[in-house]
């Protein structure tokens, strides 16, 4: 079986690629930024790297040639230029779907966000929902994955929290109201994507996916701090402060510690997905708890933030 993955050298795409190859699939990694991503993916057998952007429909048609399915994992969580969300999430998804049809691909799975929805005032949420609608209205066998907080090796959550705890003796939670979380292990999420892409399960369904253990965001932060071996002073700051701080970080960091979209996500928590979602069968329900062992396996090498993380430091 041959599967193309947009955003193939990113966090979700990279883990999915490694798992698919281990199961004997041929994989086409679609990514514009091949040279600055996970170098280990270049060593994977049965894998072809394609430096193609989701804005190039003709190149996508060629990349999808002979593929049985497409995993659409490409996405961004901040805008470097105005309308980047529209360009990447909406127009990019439309071109991926068009290219898949033209190449004869029958199946697509898209990674969306748990609370993605229209008319909410957040360009991130609205553009992710618009991408869902493009996929749902296609003639392809689709699965829309409305995923919550995914963690694992190479993610943003554990990576950034670890570096914060190695840099600062304190941590500021978003707002004065505690919000819910249910961290989702990347291995559990990859299992779901494979069920759709390889086994044809969850066809023409939208499913919301959280981890099996519900907790507060504050508790999740404290668990990571404990595993990292730090005891930061944890306190709360108002939401408007975090929005301002995120706006500043987006302007100075290559990969922001937190983006404006992520602040919005944290202020809402993960209580309910938007819209109707089908229930996962028991055999596919995530099972990995947010344990010390799971956290430790996903942590990066110990280190603090520094000049290398700033735009001027590169």
C-alpha atoms as a PDB file:
ATOM      1  CA  UNK A   1       0.000   0.000   0.000  1.00  0.00           C
ATOM      2  CA  UNK A   2       1.248   3.495  -0.846  1.00  0.00           C
ATOM      3  CA  UNK A   3       0.300   6.514   1.273  1.00  0.00           C
ATOM      4  CA  UNK A   4       1.180  10.186   0.856  1.00  0.00           C
ATOM      5  CA  UNK A   5       1.540  12.413   3.918  1.00  0.00           C
ATOM      6  CA  UNK A   6       1.345  16.194   3.690  1.00  0.00           C
ATOM      7  CA  UNK A   7       3.339  17.805   6.451  1.00  0.00           C
ATOM      8  CA  UNK A   8       5.235  14.537   6.299  1.00  0.00           C
ATOM      9  CA  UNK A   9       8.342  15.752   8.112  1.00  0.00           C
ATOM     10  CA  UNK A  10       6.396  17.399  10.934  1.00  0.00           C
ATOM     11  CA  UNK A  11       5.443  15.968  14.319  1.00  0.00           C
ATOM     12  CA  UNK A  12       2.322  13.938  13.454  1.00  0.00           C
ATOM     13  CA  UNK A  13       3.388  13.240   9.872  1.00  0.00           C
ATOM     14  CA  UNK A  14       6.813  11.985  10.891  1.00  0.00           C
ATOM     15  CA  UNK A  15       5.480   9.581  13.517  1.00  0.00           C
ATOM     16  CA  UNK A  16       2.833   8.331  11.098  1.00  0.00           C
ATOM     17  CA  UNK A  17       5.448   7.771   8.380  1.00  0.00           C
ATOM     18  CA  UNK A  18       7.711   5.722  10.667  1.00  0.00           C
ATOM     19  CA  UNK A  19       4.807   3.537  11.782  1.00  0.00           C
ATOM     20  CA  UNK A  20       3.492   2.983   8.246  1.00  0.00           C
ATOM     21  CA  UNK A  21       6.929   1.974   6.982  1.00  0.00           C
ATOM     22  CA  UNK A  22       7.284  -0.482   9.871  1.00  0.00           C
ATOM     23  CA  UNK A  23       4.018  -2.063   8.699  1.00  0.00           C
ATOM     24  CA  UNK A  24       5.307  -2.488   5.145  1.00  0.00           C
ATOM     25  CA  UNK A  25       3.699   0.518   3.466  1.00  0.00           C
ATOM     26  CA  UNK A  26       5.370   2.739   0.899  1.00  0.00           C
ATOM     27  CA  UNK A  27       5.262   6.384   1.953  1.00  0.00           C
ATOM     28  CA  UNK A  28       5.532   9.679   0.094  1.00  0.00           C
ATOM     29  CA  UNK A  29       6.513  12.544   2.392  1.00  0.00           C
ATOM     30  CA  UNK A  30       5.156  15.866   1.153  1.00  0.00           C
ATOM     31  CA  UNK A  31       6.907  18.831   2.759  1.00  0.00           C
ATOM     32  CA  UNK A  32       8.167  22.181   1.566  1.00  0.00           C
ATOM     33  CA  UNK A  33      10.749  22.478   4.371  1.00  0.00           C
ATOM     34  CA  UNK A  34      12.650  19.206   4.063  1.00  0.00           C
ATOM     35  CA  UNK A  35      16.035  20.633   5.009  1.00  0.00           C
ATOM     36  CA  UNK A  36      15.036  22.011   8.417  1.00  0.00           C
ATOM     37  CA  UNK A  37      12.980  19.145   9.776  1.00  0.00           C
ATOM     38  CA  UNK A  38      13.593  15.658  11.157  1.00  0.00           C
ATOM     39  CA  UNK A  39      16.717  14.377   9.422  1.00  0.00           C
ATOM     40  CA  UNK A  40      16.094  10.784  10.538  1.00  0.00           C
ATOM     41  CA  UNK A  41      13.121  10.553   8.187  1.00  0.00           C
ATOM     42  CA  UNK A  42      15.508  10.722   5.249  1.00  0.00           C
ATOM     43  CA  UNK A  43      16.891   7.339   6.309  1.00  0.00           C
ATOM     44  CA  UNK A  44      13.525   5.567   6.344  1.00  0.00           C
ATOM     45  CA  UNK A  45      13.231   2.739   3.806  1.00  0.00           C
ATOM     46  CA  UNK A  46      10.307   2.608   1.365  1.00  0.00           C
ATOM     47  CA  UNK A  47      10.032   6.387   1.639  1.00  0.00           C
ATOM     48  CA  UNK A  48      10.183   9.115  -0.992  1.00  0.00           C
ATOM     49  CA  UNK A  49      10.706  12.738  -0.016  1.00  0.00           C
ATOM     50  CA  UNK A  50       8.899  15.308  -2.167  1.00  0.00           C
ATOM     51  CA  UNK A  51       9.722  19.032  -1.629  1.00  0.00           C
ATOM     52  CA  UNK A  52       6.223  20.151  -2.608  1.00  0.00           C
ATOM     53  CA  UNK A  53       4.007  22.783  -1.024  1.00  0.00           C
ATOM     54  CA  UNK A  54       0.264  22.355  -0.637  1.00  0.00           C
ATOM     55  CA  UNK A  55      -0.150  25.465  -2.795  1.00  0.00           C
ATOM     56  CA  UNK A  56       1.074  23.626  -5.927  1.00  0.00           C
ATOM     57  CA  UNK A  57      -1.767  21.456  -7.179  1.00  0.00           C
ATOM     58  CA  UNK A  58       0.053  20.209 -10.267  1.00  0.00           C
ATOM     59  CA  UNK A  59       3.041  19.045  -8.226  1.00  0.00           C
ATOM     60  CA  UNK A  60       0.703  17.398  -5.729  1.00  0.00           C
ATOM     61  CA  UNK A  61      -0.985  15.420  -8.523  1.00  0.00           C
ATOM     62  CA  UNK A  62       2.411  14.012  -9.501  1.00  0.00           C
ATOM     63  CA  UNK A  63       3.344  13.312  -5.882  1.00  0.00           C
ATOM     64  CA  UNK A  64       0.060  11.469  -5.269  1.00  0.00           C
ATOM     65  CA  UNK A  65       0.435   9.294  -8.363  1.00  0.00           C
ATOM     66  CA  UNK A  66      -0.080   5.632  -7.459  1.00  0.00           C
ATOM     67  CA  UNK A  67      -1.106   6.416  -3.867  1.00  0.00           C
ATOM     68  CA  UNK A  68      -4.012   4.613  -2.238  1.00  0.00           C
ATOM     69  CA  UNK A  69      -4.593   7.264   0.420  1.00  0.00           C
ATOM     70  CA  UNK A  70      -3.511  10.708   1.602  1.00  0.00           C
ATOM     71  CA  UNK A  71      -2.919  11.761   5.200  1.00  0.00           C
ATOM     72  CA  UNK A  72      -3.347  15.530   5.296  1.00  0.00           C
ATOM     73  CA  UNK A  73      -1.269  16.562   8.310  1.00  0.00           C
ATOM     74  CA  UNK A  74       0.028  19.915   7.037  1.00  0.00           C
ATOM     75  CA  UNK A  75      -0.914  22.889   9.175  1.00  0.00           C
ATOM     76  CA  UNK A  76       0.355  25.928  11.076  1.00  0.00           C
ATOM     77  CA  UNK A  77      -0.450  27.445  14.457  1.00  0.00           C
ATOM     78  CA  UNK A  78       0.609  31.021  13.738  1.00  0.00           C
ATOM     79  CA  UNK A  79       0.536  33.447  10.838  1.00  0.00           C
ATOM     80  CA  UNK A  80       3.859  34.848   9.660  1.00  0.00           C
ATOM     81  CA  UNK A  81       2.117  36.780   6.903  1.00  0.00           C
ATOM     82  CA  UNK A  82      -1.490  38.000   6.777  1.00  0.00           C
ATOM     83  CA  UNK A  83      -3.991  35.349   5.675  1.00  0.00           C
ATOM     84  CA  UNK A  84      -1.524  32.451   6.168  1.00  0.00           C
ATOM     85  CA  UNK A  85      -4.270  30.400   7.837  1.00  0.00           C
ATOM     86  CA  UNK A  86      -6.513  30.887   4.826  1.00  0.00           C
ATOM     87  CA  UNK A  87      -3.684  30.037   2.445  1.00  0.00           C
ATOM     88  CA  UNK A  88      -2.427  26.925   4.267  1.00  0.00           C
ATOM     89  CA  UNK A  89      -5.535  25.457   5.901  1.00  0.00           C
ATOM     90  CA  UNK A  90      -8.247  26.399   3.419  1.00  0.00           C
ATOM     91  CA  UNK A  91      -6.671  26.868  -0.015  1.00  0.00           C
ATOM     92  CA  UNK A  92      -4.028  24.232   0.713  1.00  0.00           C
ATOM     93  CA  UNK A  93      -6.658  21.677   1.694  1.00  0.00           C
ATOM     94  CA  UNK A  94      -8.714  22.462  -1.388  1.00  0.00           C
ATOM     95  CA  UNK A  95      -5.683  21.825  -3.611  1.00  0.00           C
ATOM     96  CA  UNK A  96      -4.791  18.619  -1.740  1.00  0.00           C
ATOM     97  CA  UNK A  97      -8.345  17.310  -2.257  1.00  0.00           C
ATOM     98  CA  UNK A  98      -8.393  18.326  -5.930  1.00  0.00           C
ATOM     99  CA  UNK A  99      -4.999  16.739  -6.536  1.00  0.00           C
ATOM    100  CA  UNK A 100      -6.045  13.535  -4.774  1.00  0.00           C
ATOM    101  CA  UNK A 101      -9.105  13.241  -7.008  1.00  0.00           C
ATOM    102  CA  UNK A 102      -7.088  13.898 -10.151  1.00  0.00           C
ATOM    103  CA  UNK A 103      -4.475  11.314  -9.122  1.00  0.00           C
ATOM    104  CA  UNK A 104      -7.121   8.666  -8.496  1.00  0.00           C
ATOM    105  CA  UNK A 105      -6.682   8.539  -4.722  1.00  0.00           C
ATOM    106  CA  UNK A 106      -9.765   7.131  -3.000  1.00  0.00           C
ATOM    107  CA  UNK A 107      -9.182   7.900   0.674  1.00  0.00           C
ATOM    108  CA  UNK A 108      -8.116  10.888   2.756  1.00  0.00           C
ATOM    109  CA  UNK A 109      -7.677  11.547   6.466  1.00  0.00           C
ATOM    110  CA  UNK A 110      -7.239  15.079   7.771  1.00  0.00           C
ATOM    111  CA  UNK A 111      -5.833  16.212  11.109  1.00  0.00           C
ATOM    112  CA  UNK A 112      -7.996  18.996  12.496  1.00  0.00           C
ATOM    113  CA  UNK A 113      -8.460  20.519  15.938  1.00  0.00           C
ATOM    114  CA  UNK A 114     -10.890  19.460  18.659  1.00  0.00           C
ATOM    115  CA  UNK A 115     -12.612  22.847  18.965  1.00  0.00           C
ATOM    116  CA  UNK A 116     -12.325  23.976  15.321  1.00  0.00           C
ATOM    117  CA  UNK A 117     -15.528  25.793  14.396  1.00  0.00           C
ATOM    118  CA  UNK A 118     -16.897  28.671  12.292  1.00  0.00           C
ATOM    119  CA  UNK A 119     -17.721  32.228  13.311  1.00  0.00           C
ATOM    120  CA  UNK A 120     -15.816  32.229  16.595  1.00  0.00           C
ATOM    121  CA  UNK A 121     -13.432  35.118  15.983  1.00  0.00           C
ATOM    122  CA  UNK A 122     -10.300  32.958  15.791  1.00  0.00           C
ATOM    123  CA  UNK A 123      -8.793  32.664  12.277  1.00  0.00           C
ATOM    124  CA  UNK A 124      -7.072  29.439  13.341  1.00  0.00           C
ATOM    125  CA  UNK A 125     -10.254  27.698  14.500  1.00  0.00           C
ATOM    126  CA  UNK A 126     -12.296  28.995  11.574  1.00  0.00           C
ATOM    127  CA  UNK A 127      -9.750  27.984   8.933  1.00  0.00           C
ATOM    128  CA  UNK A 128      -9.346  24.480  10.379  1.00  0.00           C
ATOM    129  CA  UNK A 129     -13.121  24.031  10.316  1.00  0.00           C
ATOM    130  CA  UNK A 130     -13.286  25.291   6.724  1.00  0.00           C
ATOM    131  CA  UNK A 131     -10.680  22.647   5.842  1.00  0.00           C
ATOM    132  CA  UNK A 132     -12.856  19.982   7.479  1.00  0.00           C
ATOM    133  CA  UNK A 133     -15.813  21.065   5.378  1.00  0.00           C
ATOM    134  CA  UNK A 134     -13.782  20.853   2.165  1.00  0.00           C
ATOM    135  CA  UNK A 135     -12.831  17.274   2.995  1.00  0.00           C
ATOM    136  CA  UNK A 136     -16.341  16.310   4.110  1.00  0.00           C
ATOM    137  CA  UNK A 137     -17.847  17.658   0.899  1.00  0.00           C
ATOM    138  CA  UNK A 138     -15.380  15.800  -1.324  1.00  0.00           C
ATOM    139  CA  UNK A 139     -16.271  12.571  -3.079  1.00  0.00           C
ATOM    140  CA  UNK A 140     -13.416  10.811  -1.288  1.00  0.00           C
ATOM    141  CA  UNK A 141     -13.720   8.320   1.567  1.00  0.00           C
ATOM    142  CA  UNK A 142     -12.681  10.699   4.325  1.00  0.00           C
ATOM    143  CA  UNK A 143     -12.000  10.694   8.034  1.00  0.00           C
ATOM    144  CA  UNK A 144     -11.818  13.999   9.892  1.00  0.00           C
ATOM    145  CA  UNK A 145      -9.833  13.707  13.113  1.00  0.00           C
ATOM    146  CA  UNK A 146     -10.695  16.490  15.553  1.00  0.00           C
ATOM    147  CA  UNK A 147      -7.722  15.942  17.837  1.00  0.00           C
ATOM    148  CA  UNK A 148      -7.017  17.443  21.233  1.00  0.00           C
ATOM    149  CA  UNK A 149      -3.600  17.961  22.822  1.00  0.00           C
ATOM    150  CA  UNK A 150      -1.245  15.459  21.165  1.00  0.00           C
ATOM    151  CA  UNK A 151       2.100  14.804  22.841  1.00  0.00           C
ATOM    152  CA  UNK A 152       5.201  12.745  22.101  1.00  0.00           C
ATOM    153  CA  UNK A 153       8.774  12.994  20.869  1.00  0.00           C
ATOM    154  CA  UNK A 154       9.152  16.119  18.748  1.00  0.00           C
ATOM    155  CA  UNK A 155       5.922  17.813  19.839  1.00  0.00           C
ATOM    156  CA  UNK A 156       5.539  21.424  20.941  1.00  0.00           C
ATOM    157  CA  UNK A 157       3.928  20.788  24.323  1.00  0.00           C
ATOM    158  CA  UNK A 158       6.566  18.640  26.053  1.00  0.00           C
ATOM    159  CA  UNK A 159       9.386  20.314  24.144  1.00  0.00           C
ATOM    160  CA  UNK A 160       8.397  23.841  25.146  1.00  0.00           C
ATOM    161  CA  UNK A 161       7.445  22.990  28.730  1.00  0.00           C
ATOM    162  CA  UNK A 162      10.772  21.215  29.231  1.00  0.00           C
ATOM    163  CA  UNK A 163      12.755  24.155  27.890  1.00  0.00           C
ATOM    164  CA  UNK A 164      10.730  26.614  29.983  1.00  0.00           C
ATOM    165  CA  UNK A 165      11.432  24.656  33.169  1.00  0.00           C
ATOM    166  CA  UNK A 166      15.151  24.584  32.317  1.00  0.00           C
ATOM    167  CA  UNK A 167      15.092  28.350  31.658  1.00  0.00           C
ATOM    168  CA  UNK A 168      12.836  29.907  34.280  1.00  0.00           C
ATOM    169  CA  UNK A 169      11.968  29.146  37.934  1.00  0.00           C
ATOM    170  CA  UNK A 170       8.297  30.012  37.382  1.00  0.00           C
ATOM    171  CA  UNK A 171       5.410  29.248  35.027  1.00  0.00           C
ATOM    172  CA  UNK A 172       2.274  31.312  34.351  1.00  0.00           C
ATOM    173  CA  UNK A 173      -0.986  29.496  33.660  1.00  0.00           C
ATOM    174  CA  UNK A 174      -3.503  31.116  31.303  1.00  0.00           C
ATOM    175  CA  UNK A 175      -6.336  32.955  33.053  1.00  0.00           C
ATOM    176  CA  UNK A 176      -7.916  32.464  36.458  1.00  0.00           C
ATOM    177  CA  UNK A 177     -10.330  29.666  35.506  1.00  0.00           C
ATOM    178  CA  UNK A 178      -9.040  26.100  35.454  1.00  0.00           C
ATOM    179  CA  UNK A 179      -9.587  24.316  32.142  1.00  0.00           C
ATOM    180  CA  UNK A 180      -9.696  20.652  31.246  1.00  0.00           C
ATOM    181  CA  UNK A 181      -7.196  18.584  29.293  1.00  0.00           C
ATOM    182  CA  UNK A 182      -6.815  14.964  28.226  1.00  0.00           C
ATOM    183  CA  UNK A 183      -3.341  14.581  26.677  1.00  0.00           C
ATOM    184  CA  UNK A 184      -3.311  12.214  23.700  1.00  0.00           C
ATOM    185  CA  UNK A 185      -0.248  10.048  23.047  1.00  0.00           C
ATOM    186  CA  UNK A 186       1.016  10.281  19.468  1.00  0.00           C
ATOM    187  CA  UNK A 187       1.167   6.482  19.243  1.00  0.00           C
ATOM    188  CA  UNK A 188      -2.564   6.267  20.029  1.00  0.00           C
ATOM    189  CA  UNK A 189      -3.330   8.906  17.415  1.00  0.00           C
ATOM    190  CA  UNK A 190      -1.178   7.208  14.770  1.00  0.00           C
ATOM    191  CA  UNK A 191      -3.043   3.959  15.443  1.00  0.00           C
ATOM    192  CA  UNK A 192      -6.298   5.745  14.632  1.00  0.00           C
ATOM    193  CA  UNK A 193      -4.949   7.275  11.449  1.00  0.00           C
ATOM    194  CA  UNK A 194      -3.690   3.894  10.275  1.00  0.00           C
ATOM    195  CA  UNK A 195      -7.098   2.350  10.936  1.00  0.00           C
ATOM    196  CA  UNK A 196      -8.546   4.914   8.529  1.00  0.00           C
ATOM    197  CA  UNK A 197      -5.813   4.997   5.898  1.00  0.00           C
ATOM    198  CA  UNK A 198      -4.796   1.339   5.771  1.00  0.00           C
ATOM    199  CA  UNK A 199      -7.822  -0.585   7.023  1.00  0.00           C
ATOM    200  CA  UNK A 200     -10.553   1.674   5.643  1.00  0.00           C
ATOM    201  CA  UNK A 201     -12.206   2.115   9.031  1.00  0.00           C
ATOM    202  CA  UNK A 202     -14.010   5.287  10.144  1.00  0.00           C
ATOM    203  CA  UNK A 203     -14.952   6.006   6.527  1.00  0.00           C
ATOM    204  CA  UNK A 204     -16.960   9.204   6.003  1.00  0.00           C
ATOM    205  CA  UNK A 205     -16.799   9.995   9.696  1.00  0.00           C
ATOM    206  CA  UNK A 206     -15.775  12.931  11.849  1.00  0.00           C
ATOM    207  CA  UNK A 207     -14.328  11.748  15.141  1.00  0.00           C
ATOM    208  CA  UNK A 208     -13.189  13.710  18.188  1.00  0.00           C
ATOM    209  CA  UNK A 209     -10.103  12.279  19.860  1.00  0.00           C
ATOM    210  CA  UNK A 210      -8.781  12.901  23.366  1.00  0.00           C
ATOM    211  CA  UNK A 211      -6.523  10.884  25.617  1.00  0.00           C
ATOM    212  CA  UNK A 212      -8.072   8.464  28.143  1.00  0.00           C
ATOM    213  CA  UNK A 213      -7.189  10.467  31.252  1.00  0.00           C
ATOM    214  CA  UNK A 214      -8.953  13.747  31.988  1.00  0.00           C
ATOM    215  CA  UNK A 215      -7.200  16.323  34.161  1.00  0.00           C
ATOM    216  CA  UNK A 216      -6.770  20.059  34.486  1.00  0.00           C
ATOM    217  CA  UNK A 217      -4.217  21.900  32.378  1.00  0.00           C
ATOM    218  CA  UNK A 218      -2.494  22.879  35.608  1.00  0.00           C
ATOM    219  CA  UNK A 219      -2.113  19.226  36.607  1.00  0.00           C
ATOM    220  CA  UNK A 220      -0.666  18.364  33.193  1.00  0.00           C
ATOM    221  CA  UNK A 221       1.925  21.132  33.597  1.00  0.00           C
ATOM    222  CA  UNK A 222       2.845  19.972  37.099  1.00  0.00           C
ATOM    223  CA  UNK A 223       3.330  16.382  35.922  1.00  0.00           C
ATOM    224  CA  UNK A 224       5.738  17.466  33.221  1.00  0.00           C
ATOM    225  CA  UNK A 225       7.654  19.656  35.668  1.00  0.00           C
ATOM    226  CA  UNK A 226       8.007  16.727  38.065  1.00  0.00           C
ATOM    227  CA  UNK A 227       9.382  14.421  35.372  1.00  0.00           C
ATOM    228  CA  UNK A 228      11.780  17.126  34.167  1.00  0.00           C
ATOM    229  CA  UNK A 229      13.001  17.373  37.765  1.00  0.00           C
ATOM    230  CA  UNK A 230      12.019  20.982  38.377  1.00  0.00           C
ATOM    231  CA  UNK A 231       9.737  22.624  40.938  1.00  0.00           C
ATOM    232  CA  UNK A 232       8.715  25.918  39.341  1.00  0.00           C
ATOM    233  CA  UNK A 233       6.561  28.495  41.073  1.00  0.00           C
ATOM    234  CA  UNK A 234       3.253  28.128  39.202  1.00  0.00           C
ATOM    235  CA  UNK A 235       0.800  30.998  39.244  1.00  0.00           C
ATOM    236  CA  UNK A 236      -1.904  32.539  37.064  1.00  0.00           C
ATOM    237  CA  UNK A 237      -1.946  35.636  34.900  1.00  0.00           C
ATOM    238  CA  UNK A 238      -4.912  37.181  33.085  1.00  0.00           C
ATOM    239  CA  UNK A 239      -5.744  36.072  29.566  1.00  0.00           C
ATOM    240  CA  UNK A 240      -5.004  39.492  28.044  1.00  0.00           C
ATOM    241  CA  UNK A 241      -1.412  39.250  29.305  1.00  0.00           C
ATOM    242  CA  UNK A 242      -0.918  35.917  27.554  1.00  0.00           C
ATOM    243  CA  UNK A 243      -2.339  37.235  24.293  1.00  0.00           C
ATOM    244  CA  UNK A 244       0.063  40.173  24.419  1.00  0.00           C
ATOM    245  CA  UNK A 245       2.995  37.943  25.345  1.00  0.00           C
ATOM    246  CA  UNK A 246       2.156  35.474  22.557  1.00  0.00           C
ATOM    247  CA  UNK A 247       1.990  38.308  20.018  1.00  0.00           C
ATOM    248  CA  UNK A 248       5.453  39.434  21.140  1.00  0.00           C
ATOM    249  CA  UNK A 249       6.884  35.902  20.997  1.00  0.00           C
ATOM    250  CA  UNK A 250       5.529  35.352  17.487  1.00  0.00           C
ATOM    251  CA  UNK A 251       7.515  38.397  16.385  1.00  0.00           C
ATOM    252  CA  UNK A 252      10.855  37.384  17.904  1.00  0.00           C
ATOM    253  CA  UNK A 253      11.032  33.555  18.017  1.00  0.00           C
ATOM    254  CA  UNK A 254      11.462  31.145  15.105  1.00  0.00           C
ATOM    255  CA  UNK A 255       9.098  28.717  16.849  1.00  0.00           C
ATOM    256  CA  UNK A 256       7.171  30.719  19.462  1.00  0.00           C
ATOM    257  CA  UNK A 257       7.001  29.459  23.006  1.00  0.00           C
ATOM    258  CA  UNK A 258       3.252  30.002  22.670  1.00  0.00           C
ATOM    259  CA  UNK A 259       1.223  31.411  19.778  1.00  0.00           C
ATOM    260  CA  UNK A 260      -1.928  33.521  19.841  1.00  0.00           C
ATOM    261  CA  UNK A 261      -3.908  30.535  18.563  1.00  0.00           C
ATOM    262  CA  UNK A 262      -2.534  28.348  21.351  1.00  0.00           C
ATOM    263  CA  UNK A 263      -3.572  30.909  23.971  1.00  0.00           C
ATOM    264  CA  UNK A 264      -7.118  30.727  22.593  1.00  0.00           C
ATOM    265  CA  UNK A 265      -6.949  26.931  22.779  1.00  0.00           C
ATOM    266  CA  UNK A 266      -5.808  27.018  26.406  1.00  0.00           C
ATOM    267  CA  UNK A 267      -8.487  29.489  27.434  1.00  0.00           C
ATOM    268  CA  UNK A 268     -11.208  27.137  26.120  1.00  0.00           C
ATOM    269  CA  UNK A 269      -9.925  23.786  27.328  1.00  0.00           C
ATOM    270  CA  UNK A 270     -11.143  20.486  25.901  1.00  0.00           C
ATOM    271  CA  UNK A 271     -14.596  19.879  27.343  1.00  0.00           C
ATOM    272  CA  UNK A 272     -16.628  19.492  24.155  1.00  0.00           C
ATOM    273  CA  UNK A 273     -15.785  19.300  20.440  1.00  0.00           C
ATOM    274  CA  UNK A 274     -17.738  21.414  17.994  1.00  0.00           C
ATOM    275  CA  UNK A 275     -20.463  19.756  15.952  1.00  0.00           C
ATOM    276  CA  UNK A 276     -21.603  16.172  15.644  1.00  0.00           C
ATOM    277  CA  UNK A 277     -18.867  13.554  15.937  1.00  0.00           C
ATOM    278  CA  UNK A 278     -19.177   9.785  15.636  1.00  0.00           C
ATOM    279  CA  UNK A 279     -18.016   7.703  18.565  1.00  0.00           C
ATOM    280  CA  UNK A 280     -14.866   5.636  18.229  1.00  0.00           C
ATOM    281  CA  UNK A 281     -15.269   1.855  18.483  1.00  0.00           C
ATOM    282  CA  UNK A 282     -13.891   0.427  21.695  1.00  0.00           C
ATOM    283  CA  UNK A 283     -11.024  -1.283  19.850  1.00  0.00           C
ATOM    284  CA  UNK A 284      -9.688   2.085  18.679  1.00  0.00           C
ATOM    285  CA  UNK A 285     -10.103   4.106  21.863  1.00  0.00           C
ATOM    286  CA  UNK A 286      -6.830   5.685  23.084  1.00  0.00           C
ATOM    287  CA  UNK A 287      -5.367   3.802  26.039  1.00  0.00           C
ATOM    288  CA  UNK A 288      -2.079   5.445  27.023  1.00  0.00           C
ATOM    289  CA  UNK A 289      -2.294   7.440  30.234  1.00  0.00           C
ATOM    290  CA  UNK A 290      -0.285  10.622  30.758  1.00  0.00           C
ATOM    291  CA  UNK A 291       2.192   8.828  33.014  1.00  0.00           C
ATOM    292  CA  UNK A 292       5.741   9.712  34.040  1.00  0.00           C
ATOM    293  CA  UNK A 293       7.005   7.019  31.670  1.00  0.00           C
ATOM    294  CA  UNK A 294       5.017   8.381  28.726  1.00  0.00           C
ATOM    295  CA  UNK A 295       6.124  11.944  29.469  1.00  0.00           C
ATOM    296  CA  UNK A 296       9.769  10.913  29.842  1.00  0.00           C
ATOM    297  CA  UNK A 297       9.718   9.105  26.502  1.00  0.00           C
ATOM    298  CA  UNK A 298       8.561  12.289  24.765  1.00  0.00           C
ATOM    299  CA  UNK A 299      10.931  14.783  26.359  1.00  0.00           C
ATOM    300  CA  UNK A 300      13.677  16.453  24.317  1.00  0.00           C
ATOM    301  CA  UNK A 301      17.292  16.646  25.444  1.00  0.00           C
ATOM    302  CA  UNK A 302      17.522  18.893  28.527  1.00  0.00           C
ATOM    303  CA  UNK A 303      18.233  22.497  27.635  1.00  0.00           C
ATOM    304  CA  UNK A 304      17.066  26.062  27.990  1.00  0.00           C
ATOM    305  CA  UNK A 305      15.793  28.642  25.534  1.00  0.00           C
ATOM    306  CA  UNK A 306      18.503  30.935  24.167  1.00  0.00           C
ATOM    307  CA  UNK A 307      19.610  33.083  21.254  1.00  0.00           C
ATOM    308  CA  UNK A 308      19.335  30.119  18.896  1.00  0.00           C
ATOM    309  CA  UNK A 309      15.559  30.249  19.345  1.00  0.00           C
ATOM    310  CA  UNK A 310      15.314  33.907  18.318  1.00  0.00           C
ATOM    311  CA  UNK A 311      14.949  35.067  14.744  1.00  0.00           C
ATOM    312  CA  UNK A 312      18.004  37.285  15.205  1.00  0.00           C
ATOM    313  CA  UNK A 313      19.959  34.287  16.491  1.00  0.00           C
ATOM    314  CA  UNK A 314      19.813  32.457  13.167  1.00  0.00           C
END
